[in-house]
Amino acid sequence: MMEYSLLGLAVVLSLLIFVCLYRAYAGPTAADRVVAIDVISTKVAVLIVLIAILTEQQSFMDVALIYAMIGFITTIAVSKYLEKGKLY
């Protein structure tokens, strides 16, 4: 029963990723696009964790953590670039 609920959650998260992908494509401002991409990276990290739980492979948890860190750093870098026009 637990596997079916996790699988259903994965399907719902996948559908929500497509909604955020539309927002990233059609966002009226660059800030909307950055937020949508940040939400997508967070949802992908959660999907990786769900896959780790379903397959019982703990190494995927490390992959999800690194993916979340890279997504956060990318969001900070793009936000700084949008605000100041340079990264340094």
PDB file of N, CA and C in Angstrom:
ATOM      1  N   MET A   1       0.817  -1.198   0.000  1.00  0.00           N
ATOM      2  CA  MET A   1       0.000   0.000   0.000  1.00  0.00           C
ATOM      3  C   MET A   1       0.861   1.263   0.000  1.00  0.00           C
ATOM      4  N   MET A   2       1.956   1.214   0.750  1.00  0.00           N
ATOM      5  CA  MET A   2       2.845   2.368   0.821  1.00  0.00           C
ATOM      6  C   MET A   2       3.483   2.662  -0.542  1.00  0.00           C
ATOM      7  N   GLU A   3       3.795   1.605  -1.284  1.00  0.00           N
ATOM      8  CA  GLU A   3       4.416   1.797  -2.589  1.00  0.00           C
ATOM      9  C   GLU A   3       3.475   2.508  -3.553  1.00  0.00           C
ATOM     10  N   TYR A   4       2.187   2.172  -3.487  1.00  0.00           N
ATOM     11  CA  TYR A   4       1.213   2.807  -4.372  1.00  0.00           C
ATOM     12  C   TYR A   4       1.021   4.280  -4.039  1.00  0.00           C
ATOM     13  N   SER A   5       1.033   4.605  -2.767  1.00  0.00           N
ATOM     14  CA  SER A   5       0.873   6.013  -2.395  1.00  0.00           C
ATOM     15  C   SER A   5       2.107   6.819  -2.798  1.00  0.00           C
ATOM     16  N   LEU A   6       3.302   6.240  -2.657  1.00  0.00           N
ATOM     17  CA  LEU A   6       4.508   6.940  -3.091  1.00  0.00           C
ATOM     18  C   LEU A   6       4.551   7.081  -4.610  1.00  0.00           C
ATOM     19  N   LEU A   7       4.086   6.061  -5.293  1.00  0.00           N
ATOM     20  CA  LEU A   7       4.029   6.138  -6.753  1.00  0.00           C
ATOM     21  C   LEU A   7       3.022   7.190  -7.213  1.00  0.00           C
ATOM     22  N   GLY A   8       1.879   7.267  -6.540  1.00  0.00           N
ATOM     23  CA  GLY A   8       0.898   8.310  -6.847  1.00  0.00           C
ATOM     24  C   GLY A   8       1.448   9.699  -6.589  1.00  0.00           C
ATOM     25  N   LEU A   9       2.194   9.835  -5.492  1.00  0.00           N
ATOM     26  CA  LEU A   9       2.825  11.119  -5.192  1.00  0.00           C
ATOM     27  C   LEU A   9       3.845  11.488  -6.262  1.00  0.00           C
ATOM     28  N   ALA A  10       4.578  10.513  -6.762  1.00  0.00           N
ATOM     29  CA  ALA A  10       5.553  10.775  -7.816  1.00  0.00           C
ATOM     30  C   ALA A  10       4.863  11.238  -9.096  1.00  0.00           C
ATOM     31  N   VAL A  11       3.722  10.645  -9.413  1.00  0.00           N
ATOM     32  CA  VAL A  11       2.973  11.053 -10.605  1.00  0.00           C
ATOM     33  C   VAL A  11       2.462  12.485 -10.454  1.00  0.00           C
ATOM     34  N   VAL A  12       1.941  12.809  -9.282  1.00  0.00           N
ATOM     35  CA  VAL A  12       1.438  14.167  -9.046  1.00  0.00           C
ATOM     36  C   VAL A  12       2.573  15.183  -9.129  1.00  0.00           C
ATOM     37  N   LEU A  13       3.715  14.856  -8.535  1.00  0.00           N
ATOM     38  CA  LEU A  13       4.859  15.765  -8.615  1.00  0.00           C
ATOM     39  C   LEU A  13       5.334  15.935 -10.057  1.00  0.00           C
ATOM     40  N   SER A  14       5.295  14.878 -10.825  1.00  0.00           N
ATOM     41  CA  SER A  14       5.691  14.974 -12.235  1.00  0.00           C
ATOM     42  C   SER A  14       4.756  15.896 -13.015  1.00  0.00           C
ATOM     43  N   LEU A  15       3.480  15.795 -12.740  1.00  0.00           N
ATOM     44  CA  LEU A  15       2.525  16.694 -13.398  1.00  0.00           C
ATOM     45  C   LEU A  15       2.746  18.138 -12.975  1.00  0.00           C
ATOM     46  N   LEU A  16       3.051  18.349 -11.701  1.00  0.00           N
ATOM     47  CA  LEU A  16       3.315  19.706 -11.232  1.00  0.00           C
ATOM     48  C   LEU A  16       4.600  20.275 -11.820  1.00  0.00           C
ATOM     49  N   ILE A  17       5.541  19.414 -12.139  1.00  0.00           N
ATOM     50  CA  ILE A  17       6.757  19.877 -12.797  1.00  0.00           C
ATOM     51  C   ILE A  17       6.422  20.457 -14.168  1.00  0.00           C
ATOM     52  N   PHE A  18       5.488  19.822 -14.877  1.00  0.00           N
ATOM     53  CA  PHE A  18       5.094  20.357 -16.180  1.00  0.00           C
ATOM     54  C   PHE A  18       4.367  21.696 -16.052  1.00  0.00           C
ATOM     55  N   VAL A  19       3.611  21.874 -14.988  1.00  0.00           N
ATOM     56  CA  VAL A  19       2.964  23.167 -14.750  1.00  0.00           C
ATOM     57  C   VAL A  19       4.019  24.243 -14.505  1.00  0.00           C
ATOM     58  N   CYS A  20       5.025  23.918 -13.721  1.00  0.00           N
ATOM     59  CA  CYS A  20       6.104  24.873 -13.473  1.00  0.00           C
ATOM     60  C   CYS A  20       6.935  25.117 -14.726  1.00  0.00           C
ATOM     61  N   LEU A  21       7.060  24.098 -15.552  1.00  0.00           N
ATOM     62  CA  LEU A  21       7.779  24.266 -16.809  1.00  0.00           C
ATOM     63  C   LEU A  21       7.064  25.266 -17.720  1.00  0.00           C
ATOM     64  N   TYR A  22       5.737  25.213 -17.713  1.00  0.00           N
ATOM     65  CA  TYR A  22       4.973  26.197 -18.474  1.00  0.00           C
ATOM     66  C   TYR A  22       5.208  27.600 -17.922  1.00  0.00           C
ATOM     67  N   ARG A  23       5.241  27.732 -16.593  1.00  0.00           N
ATOM     68  CA  ARG A  23       5.467  29.044 -15.984  1.00  0.00           C
ATOM     69  C   ARG A  23       6.867  29.535 -16.322  1.00  0.00           C
ATOM     70  N   ALA A  24       7.837  28.641 -16.373  1.00  0.00           N
ATOM     71  CA  ALA A  24       9.203  29.042 -16.733  1.00  0.00           C
ATOM     72  C   ALA A  24       9.273  29.498 -18.185  1.00  0.00           C
ATOM     73  N   TYR A  25       8.453  28.892 -19.033  1.00  0.00           N
ATOM     74  CA  TYR A  25       8.440  29.288 -20.435  1.00  0.00           C
ATOM     75  C   TYR A  25       7.666  30.587 -20.650  1.00  0.00           C
ATOM     76  N   ALA A  26       6.517  30.729 -20.005  1.00  0.00           N
ATOM     77  CA  ALA A  26       5.630  31.852 -20.278  1.00  0.00           C
ATOM     78  C   ALA A  26       5.689  32.953 -19.230  1.00  0.00           C
ATOM     79  N   GLY A  27       6.591  32.830 -18.263  1.00  0.00           N
ATOM     80  CA  GLY A  27       6.629  33.831 -17.199  1.00  0.00           C
ATOM     81  C   GLY A  27       6.819  35.233 -17.737  1.00  0.00           C
ATOM     82  N   PRO A  28       6.057  36.185 -17.237  1.00  0.00           N
ATOM     83  CA  PRO A  28       6.178  37.527 -17.788  1.00  0.00           C
ATOM     84  C   PRO A  28       7.513  38.200 -17.450  1.00  0.00           C
ATOM     85  N   THR A  29       8.116  37.848 -16.332  1.00  0.00           N
ATOM     86  CA  THR A  29       9.393  38.467 -15.971  1.00  0.00           C
ATOM     87  C   THR A  29      10.438  37.387 -15.765  1.00  0.00           C
ATOM     88  N   ALA A  30      11.680  37.825 -15.734  1.00  0.00           N
ATOM     89  CA  ALA A  30      12.775  36.886 -15.511  1.00  0.00           C
ATOM     90  C   ALA A  30      12.734  36.314 -14.093  1.00  0.00           C
ATOM     91  N   ALA A  31      12.257  37.098 -13.144  1.00  0.00           N
ATOM     92  CA  ALA A  31      12.157  36.610 -11.768  1.00  0.00           C
ATOM     93  C   ALA A  31      11.155  35.459 -11.664  1.00  0.00           C
ATOM     94  N   ASP A  32      10.060  35.550 -12.409  1.00  0.00           N
ATOM     95  CA  ASP A  32       9.092  34.442 -12.427  1.00  0.00           C
ATOM     96  C   ASP A  32       9.731  33.173 -12.986  1.00  0.00           C
ATOM     97  N   ARG A  33      10.541  33.333 -13.996  1.00  0.00           N
ATOM     98  CA  ARG A  33      11.204  32.172 -14.586  1.00  0.00           C
ATOM     99  C   ARG A  33      12.201  31.544 -13.618  1.00  0.00           C
ATOM    100  N   VAL A  34      12.930  32.389 -12.884  1.00  0.00           N
ATOM    101  CA  VAL A  34      13.900  31.880 -11.916  1.00  0.00           C
ATOM    102  C   VAL A  34      13.193  31.108 -10.811  1.00  0.00           C
ATOM    103  N   VAL A  35      12.103  31.639 -10.316  1.00  0.00           N
ATOM    104  CA  VAL A  35      11.355  30.957  -9.259  1.00  0.00           C
ATOM    105  C   VAL A  35      10.790  29.632  -9.774  1.00  0.00           C
ATOM    106  N   ALA A  36      10.281  29.625 -10.997  1.00  0.00           N
ATOM    107  CA  ALA A  36       9.736  28.389 -11.562  1.00  0.00           C
ATOM    108  C   ALA A  36      10.816  27.328 -11.718  1.00  0.00           C
ATOM    109  N   ILE A  37      11.989  27.722 -12.150  1.00  0.00           N
ATOM    110  CA  ILE A  37      13.082  26.767 -12.305  1.00  0.00           C
ATOM    111  C   ILE A  37      13.552  26.268 -10.943  1.00  0.00           C
ATOM    112  N   ASP A  38      13.549  27.135  -9.939  1.00  0.00           N
ATOM    113  CA  ASP A  38      13.899  26.710  -8.584  1.00  0.00           C
ATOM    114  C   ASP A  38      12.892  25.694  -8.048  1.00  0.00           C
ATOM    115  N   VAL A  39      11.618  25.918  -8.314  1.00  0.00           N
ATOM    116  CA  VAL A  39      10.587  24.974  -7.878  1.00  0.00           C
ATOM    117  C   VAL A  39      10.752  23.638  -8.600  1.00  0.00           C
ATOM    118  N   ILE A  40      11.097  23.693  -9.885  1.00  0.00           N
ATOM    119  CA  ILE A  40      11.314  22.462 -10.643  1.00  0.00           C
ATOM    120  C   ILE A  40      12.476  21.671 -10.044  1.00  0.00           C
ATOM    121  N   SER A  41      13.567  22.353  -9.717  1.00  0.00           N
ATOM    122  CA  SER A  41      14.715  21.631  -9.160  1.00  0.00           C
ATOM    123  C   SER A  41      14.387  21.037  -7.789  1.00  0.00           C
ATOM    124  N   THR A  42      13.570  21.721  -7.010  1.00  0.00           N
ATOM    125  CA  THR A  42      13.160  21.172  -5.717  1.00  0.00           C
ATOM    126  C   THR A  42      12.283  19.936  -5.904  1.00  0.00           C
ATOM    127  N   LYS A  43      11.366  20.002  -6.841  1.00  0.00           N
ATOM    128  CA  LYS A  43      10.491  18.853  -7.095  1.00  0.00           C
ATOM    129  C   LYS A  43      11.275  17.652  -7.643  1.00  0.00           C
ATOM    130  N   VAL A  44      12.265  17.911  -8.467  1.00  0.00           N
ATOM    131  CA  VAL A  44      13.093  16.818  -8.979  1.00  0.00           C
ATOM    132  C   VAL A  44      13.885  16.175  -7.839  1.00  0.00           C
ATOM    133  N   ALA A  45      14.375  16.984  -6.912  1.00  0.00           N
ATOM    134  CA  ALA A  45      15.088  16.428  -5.754  1.00  0.00           C
ATOM    135  C   ALA A  45      14.155  15.547  -4.923  1.00  0.00           C
ATOM    136  N   VAL A  46      12.915  15.968  -4.751  1.00  0.00           N
ATOM    137  CA  VAL A  46      11.940  15.155  -4.013  1.00  0.00           C
ATOM    138  C   VAL A  46      11.635  13.867  -4.777  1.00  0.00           C
ATOM    139  N   LEU A  47      11.543  13.955  -6.096  1.00  0.00           N
ATOM    140  CA  LEU A  47      11.328  12.742  -6.897  1.00  0.00           C
ATOM    141  C   LEU A  47      12.496  11.766  -6.762  1.00  0.00           C
ATOM    142  N   ILE A  48      13.699  12.275  -6.701  1.00  0.00           N
ATOM    143  CA  ILE A  48      14.855  11.408  -6.513  1.00  0.00           C
ATOM    144  C   ILE A  48      14.781  10.715  -5.151  1.00  0.00           C
ATOM    145  N   VAL A  49      14.342  11.447  -4.129  1.00  0.00           N
ATOM    146  CA  VAL A  49      14.175  10.841  -2.803  1.00  0.00           C
ATOM    147  C   VAL A  49      13.091   9.765  -2.838  1.00  0.00           C
ATOM    148  N   LEU A  50      11.992  10.028  -3.535  1.00  0.00           N
ATOM    149  CA  LEU A  50      10.947   9.019  -3.649  1.00  0.00           C
ATOM    150  C   LEU A  50      11.455   7.766  -4.365  1.00  0.00           C
ATOM    151  N   ILE A  51      12.257   7.953  -5.391  1.00  0.00           N
ATOM    152  CA  ILE A  51      12.842   6.806  -6.085  1.00  0.00           C
ATOM    153  C   ILE A  51      13.772   6.046  -5.144  1.00  0.00           C
ATOM    154  N   ALA A  52      14.521   6.777  -4.317  1.00  0.00           N
ATOM    155  CA  ALA A  52      15.405   6.122  -3.353  1.00  0.00           C
ATOM    156  C   ALA A  52      14.612   5.294  -2.352  1.00  0.00           C
ATOM    157  N   ILE A  53      13.474   5.800  -1.936  1.00  0.00           N
ATOM    158  CA  ILE A  53      12.640   5.050  -0.992  1.00  0.00           C
ATOM    159  C   ILE A  53      12.030   3.833  -1.665  1.00  0.00           C
ATOM    160  N   LEU A  54      11.544   4.008  -2.879  1.00  0.00           N
ATOM    161  CA  LEU A  54      10.905   2.892  -3.574  1.00  0.00           C
ATOM    162  C   LEU A  54      11.887   1.779  -3.936  1.00  0.00           C
ATOM    163  N   THR A  55      13.095   2.147  -4.340  1.00  0.00           N
ATOM    164  CA  THR A  55      14.072   1.140  -4.739  1.00  0.00           C
ATOM    165  C   THR A  55      14.970   0.699  -3.594  1.00  0.00           C
ATOM    166  N   GLU A  56      14.836   1.353  -2.441  1.00  0.00           N
ATOM    167  CA  GLU A  56      15.638   1.055  -1.248  1.00  0.00           C
ATOM    168  C   GLU A  56      17.132   1.168  -1.509  1.00  0.00           C
ATOM    169  N   GLN A  57      17.517   2.195  -2.251  1.00  0.00           N
ATOM    170  CA  GLN A  57      18.925   2.479  -2.502  1.00  0.00           C
ATOM    171  C   GLN A  57      19.265   3.811  -1.856  1.00  0.00           C
ATOM    172  N   GLN A  58      20.020   3.747  -0.788  1.00  0.00           N
ATOM    173  CA  GLN A  58      20.327   4.940  -0.007  1.00  0.00           C
ATOM    174  C   GLN A  58      21.269   5.898  -0.721  1.00  0.00           C
ATOM    175  N   SER A  59      21.982   5.430  -1.721  1.00  0.00           N
ATOM    176  CA  SER A  59      22.907   6.316  -2.430  1.00  0.00           C
ATOM    177  C   SER A  59      22.166   7.396  -3.217  1.00  0.00           C
ATOM    178  N   PHE A  60      20.922   7.144  -3.563  1.00  0.00           N
ATOM    179  CA  PHE A  60      20.135   8.166  -4.248  1.00  0.00           C
ATOM    180  C   PHE A  60      19.849   9.362  -3.351  1.00  0.00           C
ATOM    181  N   MET A  61      19.843   9.164  -2.051  1.00  0.00           N
ATOM    182  CA  MET A  61      19.644  10.285  -1.127  1.00  0.00           C
ATOM    183  C   MET A  61      20.779  11.296  -1.255  1.00  0.00           C
ATOM    184  N   ASP A  62      22.004  10.796  -1.420  1.00  0.00           N
ATOM    185  CA  ASP A  62      23.146  11.682  -1.623  1.00  0.00           C
ATOM    186  C   ASP A  62      23.017  12.455  -2.929  1.00  0.00           C
ATOM    187  N   VAL A  63      22.544  11.771  -3.952  1.00  0.00           N
ATOM    188  CA  VAL A  63      22.345  12.423  -5.243  1.00  0.00           C
ATOM    189  C   VAL A  63      21.302  13.531  -5.120  1.00  0.00           C
ATOM    190  N   ALA A  64      20.225  13.261  -4.391  1.00  0.00           N
ATOM    191  CA  ALA A  64      19.176  14.268  -4.207  1.00  0.00           C
ATOM    192  C   ALA A  64      19.699  15.470  -3.427  1.00  0.00           C
ATOM    193  N   LEU A  65      20.522  15.221  -2.424  1.00  0.00           N
ATOM    194  CA  LEU A  65      21.079  16.314  -1.640  1.00  0.00           C
ATOM    195  C   LEU A  65      21.991  17.194  -2.484  1.00  0.00           C
ATOM    196  N   ILE A  66      22.849  16.582  -3.263  1.00  0.00           N
ATOM    197  CA  ILE A  66      23.746  17.349  -4.132  1.00  0.00           C
ATOM    198  C   ILE A  66      22.947  18.106  -5.196  1.00  0.00           C
ATOM    199  N   TYR A  67      21.923  17.468  -5.740  1.00  0.00           N
ATOM    200  CA  TYR A  67      21.084  18.133  -6.745  1.00  0.00           C
ATOM    201  C   TYR A  67      20.385  19.353  -6.143  1.00  0.00           C
ATOM    202  N   ALA A  68      19.897  19.230  -4.918  1.00  0.00           N
ATOM    203  CA  ALA A  68      19.237  20.360  -4.258  1.00  0.00           C
ATOM    204  C   ALA A  68      20.232  21.487  -3.990  1.00  0.00           C
ATOM    205  N   MET A  69      21.447  21.133  -3.596  1.00  0.00           N
ATOM    206  CA  MET A  69      22.466  22.163  -3.355  1.00  0.00           C
ATOM    207  C   MET A  69      22.830  22.903  -4.638  1.00  0.00           C
ATOM    208  N   ILE A  70      22.983  22.160  -5.723  1.00  0.00           N
ATOM    209  CA  ILE A  70      23.315  22.791  -6.999  1.00  0.00           C
ATOM    210  C   ILE A  70      22.171  23.690  -7.459  1.00  0.00           C
ATOM    211  N   GLY A  71      20.931  23.234  -7.277  1.00  0.00           N
ATOM    212  CA  GLY A  71      19.783  24.068  -7.636  1.00  0.00           C
ATOM    213  C   GLY A  71      19.724  25.346  -6.833  1.00  0.00           C
ATOM    214  N   PHE A  72      20.038  25.265  -5.544  1.00  0.00           N
ATOM    215  CA  PHE A  72      20.033  26.462  -4.696  1.00  0.00           C
ATOM    216  C   PHE A  72      21.119  27.440  -5.118  1.00  0.00           C
ATOM    217  N   ILE A  73      22.314  26.933  -5.348  1.00  0.00           N
ATOM    218  CA  ILE A  73      23.422  27.806  -5.746  1.00  0.00           C
ATOM    219  C   ILE A  73      23.137  28.445  -7.102  1.00  0.00           C
ATOM    220  N   THR A  74      22.552  27.696  -8.010  1.00  0.00           N
ATOM    221  CA  THR A  74      22.199  28.242  -9.317  1.00  0.00           C
ATOM    222  C   THR A  74      21.160  29.344  -9.193  1.00  0.00           C
ATOM    223  N   THR A  75      20.186  29.146  -8.337  1.00  0.00           N
ATOM    224  CA  THR A  75      19.162  30.171  -8.127  1.00  0.00           C
ATOM    225  C   THR A  75      19.769  31.449  -7.566  1.00  0.00           C
ATOM    226  N   ILE A  76      20.668  31.309  -6.611  1.00  0.00           N
ATOM    227  CA  ILE A  76      21.334  32.487  -6.045  1.00  0.00           C
ATOM    228  C   ILE A  76      22.156  33.204  -7.113  1.00  0.00           C
ATOM    229  N   ALA A  77      22.886  32.444  -7.925  1.00  0.00           N
ATOM    230  CA  ALA A  77      23.726  33.048  -8.960  1.00  0.00           C
ATOM    231  C   ALA A  77      22.897  33.779 -10.013  1.00  0.00           C
ATOM    232  N   VAL A  78      21.823  33.164 -10.461  1.00  0.00           N
ATOM    233  CA  VAL A  78      20.978  33.800 -11.483  1.00  0.00           C
ATOM    234  C   VAL A  78      20.279  35.027 -10.905  1.00  0.00           C
ATOM    235  N   SER A  79      19.848  34.953  -9.670  1.00  0.00           N
ATOM    236  CA  SER A  79      19.205  36.109  -9.039  1.00  0.00           C
ATOM    237  C   SER A  79      20.184  37.269  -8.906  1.00  0.00           C
ATOM    238  N   LYS A  80      21.408  36.973  -8.516  1.00  0.00           N
ATOM    239  CA  LYS A  80      22.415  38.023  -8.409  1.00  0.00           C
ATOM    240  C   LYS A  80      22.720  38.619  -9.776  1.00  0.00           C
ATOM    241  N   TYR A  81      22.786  37.765 -10.793  1.00  0.00           N
ATOM    242  CA  TYR A  81      23.043  38.257 -12.143  1.00  0.00           C
ATOM    243  C   TYR A  81      21.900  39.154 -12.625  1.00  0.00           C
ATOM    244  N   LEU A  82      20.666  38.772 -12.322  1.00  0.00           N
ATOM    245  CA  LEU A  82      19.526  39.588 -12.747  1.00  0.00           C
ATOM    246  C   LEU A  82      19.495  40.928 -12.026  1.00  0.00           C
ATOM    247  N   GLU A  83      19.933  40.941 -10.775  1.00  0.00           N
ATOM    248  CA  GLU A  83      19.881  42.173 -10.012  1.00  0.00           C
ATOM    249  C   GLU A  83      21.031  43.123 -10.344  1.00  0.00           C
ATOM    250  N   LYS A  84      22.252  42.579 -10.436  1.00  0.00           N
ATOM    251  CA  LYS A  84      23.426  43.433 -10.603  1.00  0.00           C
ATOM    252  C   LYS A  84      24.002  43.430 -12.013  1.00  0.00           C
ATOM    253  N   GLY A  85      23.674  42.434 -12.806  1.00  0.00           N
ATOM    254  CA  GLY A  85      24.207  42.358 -14.161  1.00  0.00           C
ATOM    255  C   GLY A  85      25.555  41.672 -14.257  1.00  0.00           C
ATOM    256  N   LYS A  86      26.102  41.246 -13.127  1.00  0.00           N
ATOM    257  CA  LYS A  86      27.360  40.500 -13.124  1.00  0.00           C
ATOM    258  C   LYS A  86      27.375  39.568 -11.924  1.00  0.00           C
ATOM    259  N   LEU A  87      28.235  38.576 -11.962  1.00  0.00           N
ATOM    260  CA  LEU A  87      28.257  37.573 -10.897  1.00  0.00           C
ATOM    261  C   LEU A  87      29.309  37.846  -9.822  1.00  0.00           C
ATOM    262  N   TYR A  88      30.213  38.771 -10.031  1.00  0.00           N
ATOM    263  CA  TYR A  88      31.268  39.022  -9.050  1.00  0.00           C
ATOM    264  C   TYR A  88      31.090  40.328  -8.342  1.00  0.00           C
TER     265      TYR A  88
END
